[in-house]
Amino acid sequence: MPVAVDGRRRLQPEERRRLLLTYAVEVFARRGIGRGGHTEIAEMGGVSVATVFNYFKTREALVEAVLEDVDSFLISLAESVYSEEDDPVQAIRTHIKAFLNACEENPSYIKVWLEWSASVREETWPSYLEFQNKLLDMIAKQVDKGVKKGLMEPGLAPKERARWALGNAQMLVSMVFDPNGKPRGMEKMVERGFDHMLGVKG
């Protein structure tokens, strides 16, 4: 096992890249997608700027890696919920709760996602739309299942209900990150609101 001079285990290249990417997400959450860069990541990681460039050759490559990591985090979150819950209504409710938990436990990922979702720029928007469509398809599948099982009202197409749900996720983030604190009874309010939006039968 490689050991550094100070006695600590020397990280393997993939471990080092993973760690630097975690720092990169934190830097982007704090500084913004357009301002976070190699220097801040190096400072946070206690490594040289050259080391960061060794793993992310250009700023474009760094941005792409961070957004892919945020994509992976949020898609994995949804997949873990929908693979374990058979009831579509409960599955969507659990997904919303997991997302709210992520706002508090992994806020950097959510903050980068929030900016990404509103960054209608040529270099980032296509990748966001690709991510969004994956998530919309997953939610729409649950809505379609709910309608067919008689748990949700027929009417607005599943994909359109999924769009409304995802759009309101941005509002949820603003509530969670409100410096004055979350509204009292937010969890029940959110559940009632999404049930109404998605057409869940009483």
N, C-alpha and C. Protein backbone atom coordinates (compact mmCIF):
# COMPACT_ATOMS: atom_id res chain seq x y z
N MET A 1 0.85 -1.20 0.00
CA MET A 1 0.00 0.00 0.00
C MET A 1 0.89 1.24 0.00
N PRO A 2 0.77 2.14 -0.98
CA PRO A 2 1.60 3.33 -1.03
C PRO A 2 1.36 4.21 0.19
N VAL A 3 2.45 4.73 0.76
CA VAL A 3 2.35 5.58 1.94
C VAL A 3 3.07 6.89 1.67
N ALA A 4 2.43 8.00 2.02
CA ALA A 4 3.03 9.31 1.83
C ALA A 4 4.11 9.54 2.88
N VAL A 5 4.89 10.61 2.70
CA VAL A 5 6.00 10.92 3.60
C VAL A 5 5.52 11.12 5.03
N ASP A 6 4.34 11.73 5.20
CA ASP A 6 3.86 12.02 6.56
C ASP A 6 3.18 10.81 7.20
N GLY A 7 3.24 9.66 6.56
CA GLY A 7 2.67 8.45 7.14
C GLY A 7 1.26 8.14 6.73
N ARG A 8 0.59 9.09 6.09
CA ARG A 8 -0.77 8.83 5.64
C ARG A 8 -0.75 7.98 4.37
N ARG A 9 -1.83 7.21 4.18
CA ARG A 9 -1.91 6.40 2.96
C ARG A 9 -2.05 7.29 1.74
N ARG A 10 -1.23 7.05 0.76
CA ARG A 10 -1.30 7.83 -0.47
C ARG A 10 -2.51 7.37 -1.27
N LEU A 11 -3.32 8.32 -1.70
CA LEU A 11 -4.54 7.98 -2.43
C LEU A 11 -4.23 7.47 -3.83
N GLN A 12 -5.00 6.49 -4.23
CA GLN A 12 -4.93 6.03 -5.61
C GLN A 12 -5.53 7.11 -6.51
N PRO A 13 -5.17 7.13 -7.79
CA PRO A 13 -5.66 8.19 -8.69
C PRO A 13 -7.18 8.36 -8.68
N GLU A 14 -7.92 7.25 -8.70
CA GLU A 14 -9.38 7.37 -8.74
C GLU A 14 -9.92 7.91 -7.42
N GLU A 15 -9.28 7.53 -6.32
CA GLU A 15 -9.68 8.06 -5.00
C GLU A 15 -9.41 9.56 -4.94
N ARG A 16 -8.25 9.96 -5.44
CA ARG A 16 -7.90 11.38 -5.44
C ARG A 16 -8.87 12.17 -6.30
N ARG A 17 -9.21 11.63 -7.47
CA ARG A 17 -10.16 12.32 -8.34
C ARG A 17 -11.51 12.47 -7.66
N ARG A 18 -11.96 11.39 -6.98
CA ARG A 18 -13.25 11.42 -6.29
C ARG A 18 -13.25 12.49 -5.20
N LEU A 19 -12.15 12.58 -4.46
CA LEU A 19 -12.05 13.56 -3.39
C LEU A 19 -12.04 14.98 -3.94
N LEU A 20 -11.26 15.20 -4.99
CA LEU A 20 -11.21 16.52 -5.61
C LEU A 20 -12.57 16.91 -6.20
N LEU A 21 -13.29 15.93 -6.73
CA LEU A 21 -14.61 16.22 -7.28
C LEU A 21 -15.58 16.62 -6.18
N THR A 22 -15.47 15.98 -5.02
CA THR A 22 -16.31 16.37 -3.87
C THR A 22 -16.02 17.81 -3.48
N TYR A 23 -14.73 18.17 -3.44
CA TYR A 23 -14.36 19.56 -3.14
C TYR A 23 -14.90 20.50 -4.22
N ALA A 24 -14.84 20.05 -5.47
CA ALA A 24 -15.30 20.89 -6.58
C ALA A 24 -16.79 21.21 -6.45
N VAL A 25 -17.58 20.22 -6.07
CA VAL A 25 -19.02 20.46 -5.88
C VAL A 25 -19.23 21.50 -4.78
N GLU A 26 -18.47 21.40 -3.70
CA GLU A 26 -18.59 22.37 -2.61
C GLU A 26 -18.19 23.77 -3.07
N VAL A 27 -17.12 23.86 -3.85
CA VAL A 27 -16.67 25.16 -4.36
C VAL A 27 -17.71 25.75 -5.29
N PHE A 28 -18.25 24.93 -6.19
CA PHE A 28 -19.27 25.42 -7.13
C PHE A 28 -20.53 25.86 -6.39
N ALA A 29 -20.88 25.15 -5.32
CA ALA A 29 -22.06 25.53 -4.54
C ALA A 29 -21.86 26.89 -3.89
N ARG A 30 -20.65 27.16 -3.47
CA ARG A 30 -20.36 28.42 -2.79
C ARG A 30 -20.09 29.56 -3.76
N ARG A 31 -19.33 29.28 -4.83
CA ARG A 31 -18.89 30.34 -5.74
C ARG A 31 -19.76 30.45 -6.99
N GLY A 32 -20.46 29.38 -7.34
CA GLY A 32 -21.27 29.39 -8.55
C GLY A 32 -20.61 28.62 -9.67
N ILE A 33 -21.41 28.12 -10.59
CA ILE A 33 -20.89 27.33 -11.71
C ILE A 33 -19.94 28.16 -12.56
N GLY A 34 -20.23 29.44 -12.70
CA GLY A 34 -19.42 30.29 -13.56
C GLY A 34 -18.16 30.81 -12.91
N ARG A 35 -18.00 30.64 -11.59
CA ARG A 35 -16.86 31.25 -10.91
C ARG A 35 -15.96 30.25 -10.19
N GLY A 36 -16.49 29.09 -9.83
CA GLY A 36 -15.66 28.09 -9.16
C GLY A 36 -14.56 27.59 -10.09
N GLY A 37 -13.36 27.39 -9.55
CA GLY A 37 -12.27 26.97 -10.40
C GLY A 37 -11.23 26.12 -9.71
N HIS A 38 -10.18 25.81 -10.45
CA HIS A 38 -9.14 24.91 -9.98
C HIS A 38 -8.43 25.42 -8.72
N THR A 39 -8.22 26.73 -8.65
CA THR A 39 -7.47 27.31 -7.53
C THR A 39 -8.18 27.07 -6.20
N GLU A 40 -9.48 27.35 -6.17
CA GLU A 40 -10.24 27.16 -4.93
C GLU A 40 -10.29 25.69 -4.52
N ILE A 41 -10.39 24.81 -5.50
CA ILE A 41 -10.42 23.37 -5.21
C ILE A 41 -9.08 22.93 -4.62
N ALA A 42 -7.99 23.44 -5.19
CA ALA A 42 -6.66 23.11 -4.68
C ALA A 42 -6.50 23.57 -3.25
N GLU A 43 -6.97 24.78 -2.95
CA GLU A 43 -6.87 25.31 -1.59
C GLU A 43 -7.66 24.46 -0.61
N MET A 44 -8.86 24.07 -1.00
CA MET A 44 -9.69 23.25 -0.13
C MET A 44 -9.08 21.87 0.09
N GLY A 45 -8.48 21.31 -0.96
CA GLY A 45 -7.93 19.97 -0.88
C GLY A 45 -6.51 19.91 -0.36
N GLY A 46 -5.88 21.07 -0.18
CA GLY A 46 -4.51 21.08 0.30
C GLY A 46 -3.52 20.50 -0.69
N VAL A 47 -3.80 20.71 -1.98
CA VAL A 47 -2.91 20.22 -3.03
C VAL A 47 -2.55 21.38 -3.95
N SER A 48 -1.64 21.14 -4.87
CA SER A 48 -1.25 22.18 -5.81
C SER A 48 -2.32 22.35 -6.89
N VAL A 49 -2.35 23.52 -7.48
CA VAL A 49 -3.28 23.77 -8.59
C VAL A 49 -2.97 22.80 -9.74
N ALA A 50 -1.69 22.52 -9.92
CA ALA A 50 -1.28 21.59 -10.99
C ALA A 50 -1.89 20.21 -10.79
N THR A 51 -2.04 19.80 -9.53
CA THR A 51 -2.64 18.49 -9.24
C THR A 51 -4.10 18.46 -9.70
N VAL A 52 -4.82 19.54 -9.43
CA VAL A 52 -6.22 19.59 -9.85
C VAL A 52 -6.31 19.57 -11.37
N PHE A 53 -5.41 20.31 -12.03
CA PHE A 53 -5.40 20.31 -13.50
C PHE A 53 -5.03 18.94 -14.06
N ASN A 54 -4.29 18.17 -13.29
CA ASN A 54 -3.92 16.83 -13.74
C ASN A 54 -5.14 15.94 -13.89
N TYR A 55 -6.17 16.19 -13.06
CA TYR A 55 -7.40 15.39 -13.11
C TYR A 55 -8.49 16.04 -13.96
N PHE A 56 -8.49 17.37 -14.01
CA PHE A 56 -9.50 18.10 -14.79
C PHE A 56 -8.73 19.09 -15.66
N LYS A 57 -8.45 18.68 -16.88
CA LYS A 57 -7.48 19.36 -17.74
C LYS A 57 -7.85 20.80 -18.08
N THR A 58 -9.13 21.07 -18.19
CA THR A 58 -9.60 22.41 -18.56
C THR A 58 -10.77 22.80 -17.66
N ARG A 59 -11.12 24.07 -17.70
CA ARG A 59 -12.29 24.51 -16.92
C ARG A 59 -13.55 23.82 -17.43
N GLU A 60 -13.64 23.65 -18.76
CA GLU A 60 -14.80 22.97 -19.33
C GLU A 60 -14.92 21.54 -18.82
N ALA A 61 -13.79 20.86 -18.71
CA ALA A 61 -13.79 19.49 -18.20
C ALA A 61 -14.20 19.46 -16.73
N LEU A 62 -13.77 20.47 -15.98
CA LEU A 62 -14.14 20.56 -14.56
C LEU A 62 -15.64 20.76 -14.41
N VAL A 63 -16.20 21.69 -15.16
CA VAL A 63 -17.64 21.95 -15.10
C VAL A 63 -18.43 20.71 -15.48
N GLU A 64 -18.00 20.06 -16.55
CA GLU A 64 -18.69 18.85 -17.01
C GLU A 64 -18.66 17.77 -15.93
N ALA A 65 -17.52 17.60 -15.27
CA ALA A 65 -17.40 16.57 -14.23
C ALA A 65 -18.30 16.88 -13.04
N VAL A 66 -18.35 18.13 -12.64
CA VAL A 66 -19.20 18.52 -11.50
C VAL A 66 -20.67 18.28 -11.82
N LEU A 67 -21.11 18.70 -13.00
CA LEU A 67 -22.51 18.54 -13.36
C LEU A 67 -22.87 17.06 -13.53
N GLU A 68 -21.95 16.27 -14.05
CA GLU A 68 -22.19 14.82 -14.15
C GLU A 68 -22.33 14.20 -12.76
N ASP A 69 -21.57 14.71 -11.80
CA ASP A 69 -21.64 14.19 -10.43
C ASP A 69 -22.97 14.55 -9.79
N VAL A 70 -23.43 15.77 -10.02
CA VAL A 70 -24.73 16.19 -9.49
C VAL A 70 -25.84 15.37 -10.14
N ASP A 71 -25.75 15.18 -11.44
CA ASP A 71 -26.69 14.33 -12.18
C ASP A 71 -26.74 12.94 -11.54
N SER A 72 -25.58 12.33 -11.36
CA SER A 72 -25.50 10.98 -10.80
C SER A 72 -26.09 10.92 -9.40
N PHE A 73 -25.80 11.93 -8.59
CA PHE A 73 -26.30 11.96 -7.21
C PHE A 73 -27.83 11.97 -7.18
N LEU A 74 -28.44 12.83 -7.98
CA LEU A 74 -29.89 12.99 -7.94
C LEU A 74 -30.62 11.84 -8.63
N ILE A 75 -30.05 11.33 -9.71
CA ILE A 75 -30.67 10.18 -10.38
C ILE A 75 -30.58 8.94 -9.49
N SER A 76 -29.44 8.74 -8.85
CA SER A 76 -29.28 7.60 -7.94
C SER A 76 -30.25 7.70 -6.77
N LEU A 77 -30.47 8.91 -6.28
CA LEU A 77 -31.43 9.13 -5.20
C LEU A 77 -32.82 8.66 -5.62
N ALA A 78 -33.23 9.06 -6.82
CA ALA A 78 -34.55 8.67 -7.32
C ALA A 78 -34.63 7.17 -7.57
N GLU A 79 -33.60 6.60 -8.18
CA GLU A 79 -33.60 5.17 -8.48
C GLU A 79 -33.69 4.33 -7.21
N SER A 80 -33.00 4.76 -6.16
CA SER A 80 -33.02 3.99 -4.91
C SER A 80 -34.42 3.97 -4.30
N VAL A 81 -35.15 5.06 -4.47
CA VAL A 81 -36.52 5.12 -3.94
C VAL A 81 -37.46 4.26 -4.79
N TYR A 82 -37.43 4.47 -6.09
CA TYR A 82 -38.39 3.81 -6.97
C TYR A 82 -38.13 2.32 -7.13
N SER A 83 -36.94 1.87 -6.83
CA SER A 83 -36.65 0.44 -6.92
C SER A 83 -37.15 -0.31 -5.68
N GLU A 84 -37.41 0.41 -4.60
CA GLU A 84 -37.80 -0.24 -3.35
C GLU A 84 -39.28 -0.08 -3.00
N GLU A 85 -39.96 0.89 -3.61
CA GLU A 85 -41.34 1.18 -3.24
C GLU A 85 -42.27 0.84 -4.39
N ASP A 86 -43.24 -0.06 -4.15
CA ASP A 86 -44.15 -0.50 -5.20
C ASP A 86 -45.34 0.43 -5.37
N ASP A 87 -45.81 0.99 -4.27
CA ASP A 87 -46.95 1.91 -4.32
C ASP A 87 -46.48 3.23 -4.95
N PRO A 88 -47.04 3.62 -6.11
CA PRO A 88 -46.54 4.82 -6.80
C PRO A 88 -46.75 6.11 -6.02
N VAL A 89 -47.85 6.22 -5.30
CA VAL A 89 -48.09 7.43 -4.51
C VAL A 89 -47.06 7.53 -3.39
N GLN A 90 -46.88 6.43 -2.68
CA GLN A 90 -45.91 6.43 -1.60
C GLN A 90 -44.49 6.61 -2.14
N ALA A 91 -44.24 6.07 -3.33
CA ALA A 91 -42.91 6.21 -3.93
C ALA A 91 -42.59 7.68 -4.20
N ILE A 92 -43.54 8.41 -4.77
CA ILE A 92 -43.31 9.83 -5.05
C ILE A 92 -43.16 10.61 -3.75
N ARG A 93 -43.98 10.30 -2.76
CA ARG A 93 -43.86 10.98 -1.46
C ARG A 93 -42.49 10.72 -0.84
N THR A 94 -42.02 9.49 -0.94
CA THR A 94 -40.71 9.14 -0.39
C THR A 94 -39.60 9.84 -1.15
N HIS A 95 -39.76 9.97 -2.46
CA HIS A 95 -38.78 10.68 -3.28
C HIS A 95 -38.69 12.14 -2.83
N ILE A 96 -39.83 12.76 -2.61
CA ILE A 96 -39.84 14.16 -2.16
C ILE A 96 -39.15 14.29 -0.80
N LYS A 97 -39.45 13.37 0.11
CA LYS A 97 -38.82 13.41 1.43
C LYS A 97 -37.31 13.21 1.32
N ALA A 98 -36.89 12.29 0.44
CA ALA A 98 -35.46 12.05 0.25
C ALA A 98 -34.77 13.28 -0.31
N PHE A 99 -35.47 13.97 -1.21
CA PHE A 99 -34.91 15.20 -1.79
C PHE A 99 -34.77 16.27 -0.71
N LEU A 100 -35.78 16.41 0.15
CA LEU A 100 -35.71 17.38 1.24
C LEU A 100 -34.58 17.03 2.21
N ASN A 101 -34.40 15.75 2.47
CA ASN A 101 -33.30 15.33 3.33
C ASN A 101 -31.95 15.67 2.69
N ALA A 102 -31.87 15.51 1.38
CA ALA A 102 -30.63 15.83 0.67
C ALA A 102 -30.31 17.32 0.76
N CYS A 103 -31.34 18.14 0.81
CA CYS A 103 -31.12 19.59 0.95
C CYS A 103 -30.36 19.89 2.23
N GLU A 104 -30.59 19.10 3.26
CA GLU A 104 -29.95 19.34 4.55
C GLU A 104 -28.66 18.53 4.71
N GLU A 105 -28.64 17.32 4.16
CA GLU A 105 -27.47 16.46 4.35
C GLU A 105 -26.41 16.62 3.27
N ASN A 106 -26.82 17.00 2.07
CA ASN A 106 -25.89 17.21 0.96
C ASN A 106 -26.22 18.53 0.26
N PRO A 107 -26.20 19.63 0.99
CA PRO A 107 -26.66 20.90 0.42
C PRO A 107 -25.88 21.37 -0.80
N SER A 108 -24.60 21.03 -0.88
CA SER A 108 -23.81 21.50 -2.02
C SER A 108 -24.35 20.96 -3.34
N TYR A 109 -24.74 19.68 -3.34
CA TYR A 109 -25.29 19.09 -4.56
C TYR A 109 -26.59 19.79 -4.96
N ILE A 110 -27.41 20.10 -3.98
CA ILE A 110 -28.70 20.73 -4.28
C ILE A 110 -28.51 22.16 -4.76
N LYS A 111 -27.56 22.88 -4.17
CA LYS A 111 -27.32 24.26 -4.59
C LYS A 111 -26.78 24.33 -6.01
N VAL A 112 -25.89 23.40 -6.37
CA VAL A 112 -25.40 23.37 -7.75
C VAL A 112 -26.54 23.01 -8.69
N TRP A 113 -27.36 22.03 -8.31
CA TRP A 113 -28.51 21.66 -9.15
C TRP A 113 -29.42 22.86 -9.37
N LEU A 114 -29.68 23.63 -8.31
CA LEU A 114 -30.59 24.77 -8.41
C LEU A 114 -30.08 25.79 -9.43
N GLU A 115 -28.79 26.09 -9.36
CA GLU A 115 -28.23 27.03 -10.33
C GLU A 115 -28.24 26.45 -11.73
N TRP A 116 -27.87 25.17 -11.84
CA TRP A 116 -27.84 24.49 -13.14
C TRP A 116 -29.22 24.52 -13.79
N SER A 117 -30.27 24.33 -13.00
CA SER A 117 -31.63 24.27 -13.53
C SER A 117 -32.10 25.62 -14.09
N ALA A 118 -31.39 26.68 -13.72
CA ALA A 118 -31.78 28.01 -14.21
C ALA A 118 -30.71 28.61 -15.12
N SER A 119 -29.69 27.82 -15.47
CA SER A 119 -28.59 28.32 -16.30
C SER A 119 -28.86 28.01 -17.76
N VAL A 120 -29.63 28.87 -18.39
CA VAL A 120 -29.99 28.64 -19.79
C VAL A 120 -28.86 29.18 -20.67
N ARG A 121 -27.71 28.51 -20.55
CA ARG A 121 -26.53 28.89 -21.33
C ARG A 121 -26.12 27.72 -22.20
N GLU A 122 -25.54 28.04 -23.33
CA GLU A 122 -25.22 27.02 -24.33
C GLU A 122 -24.34 25.91 -23.78
N GLU A 123 -23.42 26.26 -22.85
CA GLU A 123 -22.47 25.27 -22.37
C GLU A 123 -23.03 24.34 -21.29
N THR A 124 -24.14 24.72 -20.66
CA THR A 124 -24.68 23.89 -19.59
C THR A 124 -26.12 23.43 -19.79
N TRP A 125 -26.89 24.16 -20.58
CA TRP A 125 -28.32 23.86 -20.70
C TRP A 125 -28.61 22.51 -21.34
N PRO A 126 -27.92 22.11 -22.42
CA PRO A 126 -28.21 20.79 -23.01
C PRO A 126 -28.04 19.65 -22.02
N SER A 127 -27.00 19.71 -21.20
CA SER A 127 -26.79 18.63 -20.23
C SER A 127 -27.87 18.65 -19.15
N TYR A 128 -28.36 19.85 -18.82
CA TYR A 128 -29.44 19.90 -17.83
C TYR A 128 -30.71 19.28 -18.41
N LEU A 129 -31.02 19.59 -19.64
CA LEU A 129 -32.23 19.03 -20.25
C LEU A 129 -32.15 17.51 -20.33
N GLU A 130 -30.96 16.98 -20.60
CA GLU A 130 -30.78 15.53 -20.64
C GLU A 130 -31.04 14.93 -19.26
N PHE A 131 -30.48 15.56 -18.23
CA PHE A 131 -30.72 15.11 -16.85
C PHE A 131 -32.20 15.21 -16.51
N GLN A 132 -32.80 16.36 -16.84
CA GLN A 132 -34.20 16.59 -16.51
C GLN A 132 -35.11 15.54 -17.14
N ASN A 133 -34.85 15.20 -18.38
CA ASN A 133 -35.69 14.21 -19.07
C ASN A 133 -35.60 12.84 -18.41
N LYS A 134 -34.42 12.47 -17.93
CA LYS A 134 -34.29 11.19 -17.22
C LYS A 134 -35.16 11.20 -15.96
N LEU A 135 -35.10 12.30 -15.22
CA LEU A 135 -35.87 12.38 -13.99
C LEU A 135 -37.37 12.46 -14.27
N LEU A 136 -37.74 13.23 -15.28
CA LEU A 136 -39.16 13.34 -15.64
C LEU A 136 -39.73 11.98 -16.03
N ASP A 137 -38.97 11.21 -16.77
CA ASP A 137 -39.44 9.88 -17.19
C ASP A 137 -39.68 8.98 -15.98
N MET A 138 -38.82 9.08 -14.98
CA MET A 138 -38.96 8.26 -13.78
C MET A 138 -40.21 8.65 -12.99
N ILE A 139 -40.43 9.96 -12.86
CA ILE A 139 -41.61 10.42 -12.11
C ILE A 139 -42.88 10.12 -12.89
N ALA A 140 -42.84 10.37 -14.20
CA ALA A 140 -44.01 10.13 -15.05
C ALA A 140 -44.42 8.66 -15.02
N LYS A 141 -43.45 7.77 -14.96
CA LYS A 141 -43.76 6.34 -14.88
C LYS A 141 -44.56 6.03 -13.63
N GLN A 142 -44.23 6.67 -12.52
CA GLN A 142 -44.96 6.46 -11.28
C GLN A 142 -46.38 7.04 -11.37
N VAL A 143 -46.49 8.20 -12.00
CA VAL A 143 -47.81 8.83 -12.16
C VAL A 143 -48.70 7.94 -13.04
N ASP A 144 -48.14 7.46 -14.13
CA ASP A 144 -48.89 6.58 -15.03
C ASP A 144 -49.36 5.33 -14.28
N LYS A 145 -48.49 4.76 -13.46
CA LYS A 145 -48.85 3.59 -12.68
C LYS A 145 -49.97 3.94 -11.69
N GLY A 146 -49.86 5.14 -11.09
CA GLY A 146 -50.87 5.56 -10.13
C GLY A 146 -52.25 5.73 -10.75
N VAL A 147 -52.28 6.28 -11.96
CA VAL A 147 -53.55 6.46 -12.68
C VAL A 147 -54.14 5.09 -13.02
N LYS A 148 -53.31 4.19 -13.53
CA LYS A 148 -53.80 2.87 -13.93
C LYS A 148 -54.28 2.05 -12.73
N LYS A 149 -53.70 2.28 -11.58
CA LYS A 149 -54.12 1.57 -10.37
C LYS A 149 -55.30 2.24 -9.68
N GLY A 150 -55.74 3.37 -10.23
CA GLY A 150 -56.87 4.07 -9.63
C GLY A 150 -56.52 4.88 -8.41
N LEU A 151 -55.22 5.13 -8.20
CA LEU A 151 -54.77 5.90 -7.04
C LEU A 151 -54.67 7.39 -7.34
N MET A 152 -54.64 7.74 -8.64
CA MET A 152 -54.57 9.12 -9.07
C MET A 152 -55.66 9.38 -10.11
N GLU A 153 -56.11 10.61 -10.13
CA GLU A 153 -57.15 11.00 -11.07
C GLU A 153 -56.61 11.01 -12.50
N PRO A 154 -57.43 10.60 -13.47
CA PRO A 154 -57.03 10.77 -14.87
C PRO A 154 -57.06 12.26 -15.21
N GLY A 155 -56.49 12.62 -16.34
CA GLY A 155 -56.51 14.03 -16.71
C GLY A 155 -55.18 14.43 -17.35
N LEU A 156 -54.49 15.36 -16.72
CA LEU A 156 -53.22 15.84 -17.25
C LEU A 156 -52.24 14.67 -17.45
N ALA A 157 -51.54 14.69 -18.57
CA ALA A 157 -50.62 13.60 -18.92
C ALA A 157 -49.56 13.41 -17.83
N PRO A 158 -49.13 12.18 -17.60
CA PRO A 158 -48.12 11.91 -16.57
C PRO A 158 -46.86 12.77 -16.71
N LYS A 159 -46.36 12.95 -17.94
CA LYS A 159 -45.14 13.73 -18.14
C LYS A 159 -45.35 15.18 -17.73
N GLU A 160 -46.55 15.71 -17.98
CA GLU A 160 -46.82 17.10 -17.62
C GLU A 160 -46.94 17.25 -16.10
N ARG A 161 -47.54 16.27 -15.44
CA ARG A 161 -47.60 16.32 -13.97
C ARG A 161 -46.19 16.25 -13.39
N ALA A 162 -45.36 15.42 -14.02
CA ALA A 162 -43.97 15.31 -13.57
C ALA A 162 -43.25 16.65 -13.72
N ARG A 163 -43.53 17.37 -14.80
CA ARG A 163 -42.92 18.69 -14.99
C ARG A 163 -43.32 19.66 -13.88
N TRP A 164 -44.60 19.64 -13.53
CA TRP A 164 -45.06 20.52 -12.45
C TRP A 164 -44.38 20.15 -11.14
N ALA A 165 -44.24 18.86 -10.90
CA ALA A 165 -43.60 18.41 -9.66
C ALA A 165 -42.15 18.85 -9.61
N LEU A 166 -41.43 18.66 -10.70
CA LEU A 166 -40.01 19.02 -10.72
C LEU A 166 -39.84 20.54 -10.62
N GLY A 167 -40.73 21.28 -11.28
CA GLY A 167 -40.66 22.74 -11.18
C GLY A 167 -40.86 23.22 -9.75
N ASN A 168 -41.73 22.57 -9.04
CA ASN A 168 -41.98 22.98 -7.65
C ASN A 168 -40.86 22.56 -6.70
N ALA A 169 -40.00 21.67 -7.15
CA ALA A 169 -38.85 21.29 -6.33
C ALA A 169 -37.94 22.49 -6.11
N GLN A 170 -37.89 23.41 -7.07
CA GLN A 170 -37.09 24.63 -6.90
C GLN A 170 -37.65 25.48 -5.77
N MET A 171 -38.97 25.54 -5.67
CA MET A 171 -39.60 26.28 -4.58
C MET A 171 -39.28 25.64 -3.24
N LEU A 172 -39.23 24.31 -3.21
CA LEU A 172 -38.91 23.61 -1.97
C LEU A 172 -37.51 23.98 -1.49
N VAL A 173 -36.57 24.06 -2.42
CA VAL A 173 -35.20 24.40 -2.06
C VAL A 173 -35.13 25.79 -1.44
N SER A 174 -35.85 26.74 -2.01
CA SER A 174 -35.84 28.09 -1.46
C SER A 174 -36.42 28.11 -0.05
N MET A 175 -37.38 27.24 0.22
CA MET A 175 -37.95 27.16 1.57
C MET A 175 -36.97 26.55 2.55
N VAL A 176 -36.28 25.49 2.12
CA VAL A 176 -35.32 24.82 3.00
C VAL A 176 -34.15 25.74 3.34
N PHE A 177 -33.69 26.50 2.35
CA PHE A 177 -32.52 27.35 2.55
C PHE A 177 -32.87 28.77 3.00
N ASP A 178 -34.12 28.99 3.36
CA ASP A 178 -34.53 30.30 3.88
C ASP A 178 -33.72 30.60 5.14
N PRO A 179 -32.99 31.72 5.19
CA PRO A 179 -32.18 32.03 6.38
C PRO A 179 -33.01 32.18 7.65
N ASN A 180 -34.31 32.40 7.50
CA ASN A 180 -35.18 32.51 8.67
C ASN A 180 -35.71 31.16 9.13
N GLY A 181 -35.33 30.10 8.41
CA GLY A 181 -35.76 28.77 8.79
C GLY A 181 -36.93 28.28 7.95
N LYS A 182 -37.11 26.97 7.94
CA LYS A 182 -38.21 26.37 7.19
C LYS A 182 -39.55 26.74 7.80
N PRO A 183 -40.60 26.83 6.97
CA PRO A 183 -41.94 27.09 7.52
C PRO A 183 -42.36 25.96 8.47
N ARG A 184 -43.10 26.32 9.48
CA ARG A 184 -43.60 25.31 10.42
C ARG A 184 -44.56 24.36 9.69
N GLY A 185 -44.41 23.07 9.96
CA GLY A 185 -45.27 22.09 9.33
C GLY A 185 -45.02 21.92 7.84
N MET A 186 -43.79 22.22 7.40
CA MET A 186 -43.48 22.20 5.97
C MET A 186 -43.71 20.83 5.34
N GLU A 187 -43.34 19.76 6.05
CA GLU A 187 -43.44 18.42 5.47
C GLU A 187 -44.88 18.06 5.10
N LYS A 188 -45.81 18.31 5.99
CA LYS A 188 -47.21 18.01 5.70
C LYS A 188 -47.76 18.93 4.61
N MET A 189 -47.35 20.19 4.65
CA MET A 189 -47.78 21.13 3.63
C MET A 189 -47.31 20.69 2.25
N VAL A 190 -46.06 20.24 2.18
CA VAL A 190 -45.49 19.78 0.91
C VAL A 190 -46.22 18.54 0.42
N GLU A 191 -46.49 17.60 1.32
CA GLU A 191 -47.19 16.38 0.91
C GLU A 191 -48.57 16.70 0.37
N ARG A 192 -49.32 17.56 1.04
CA ARG A 192 -50.66 17.93 0.57
C ARG A 192 -50.58 18.64 -0.79
N GLY A 193 -49.61 19.53 -0.92
CA GLY A 193 -49.47 20.27 -2.17
C GLY A 193 -49.15 19.38 -3.35
N PHE A 194 -48.22 18.46 -3.16
CA PHE A 194 -47.85 17.56 -4.26
C PHE A 194 -48.94 16.55 -4.55
N ASP A 195 -49.64 16.10 -3.53
CA ASP A 195 -50.76 15.18 -3.76
C ASP A 195 -51.81 15.87 -4.64
N HIS A 196 -52.10 17.13 -4.34
CA HIS A 196 -53.09 17.88 -5.12
C HIS A 196 -52.61 18.07 -6.56
N MET A 197 -51.34 18.44 -6.71
CA MET A 197 -50.75 18.70 -8.03
C MET A 197 -50.75 17.44 -8.90
N LEU A 198 -50.47 16.30 -8.28
CA LEU A 198 -50.36 15.06 -9.03
C LEU A 198 -51.69 14.33 -9.20
N GLY A 199 -52.73 14.83 -8.54
CA GLY A 199 -54.04 14.22 -8.68
C GLY A 199 -54.26 12.98 -7.83
N VAL A 200 -53.60 12.94 -6.66
CA VAL A 200 -53.77 11.79 -5.78
C VAL A 200 -55.18 11.79 -5.19
N LYS A 201 -55.84 10.65 -5.27
CA LYS A 201 -57.20 10.55 -4.72
C LYS A 201 -57.18 10.54 -3.22
N GLY A 202 -58.20 11.17 -2.60
CA GLY A 202 -58.26 11.24 -1.15
C GLY A 202 -58.70 9.93 -0.51
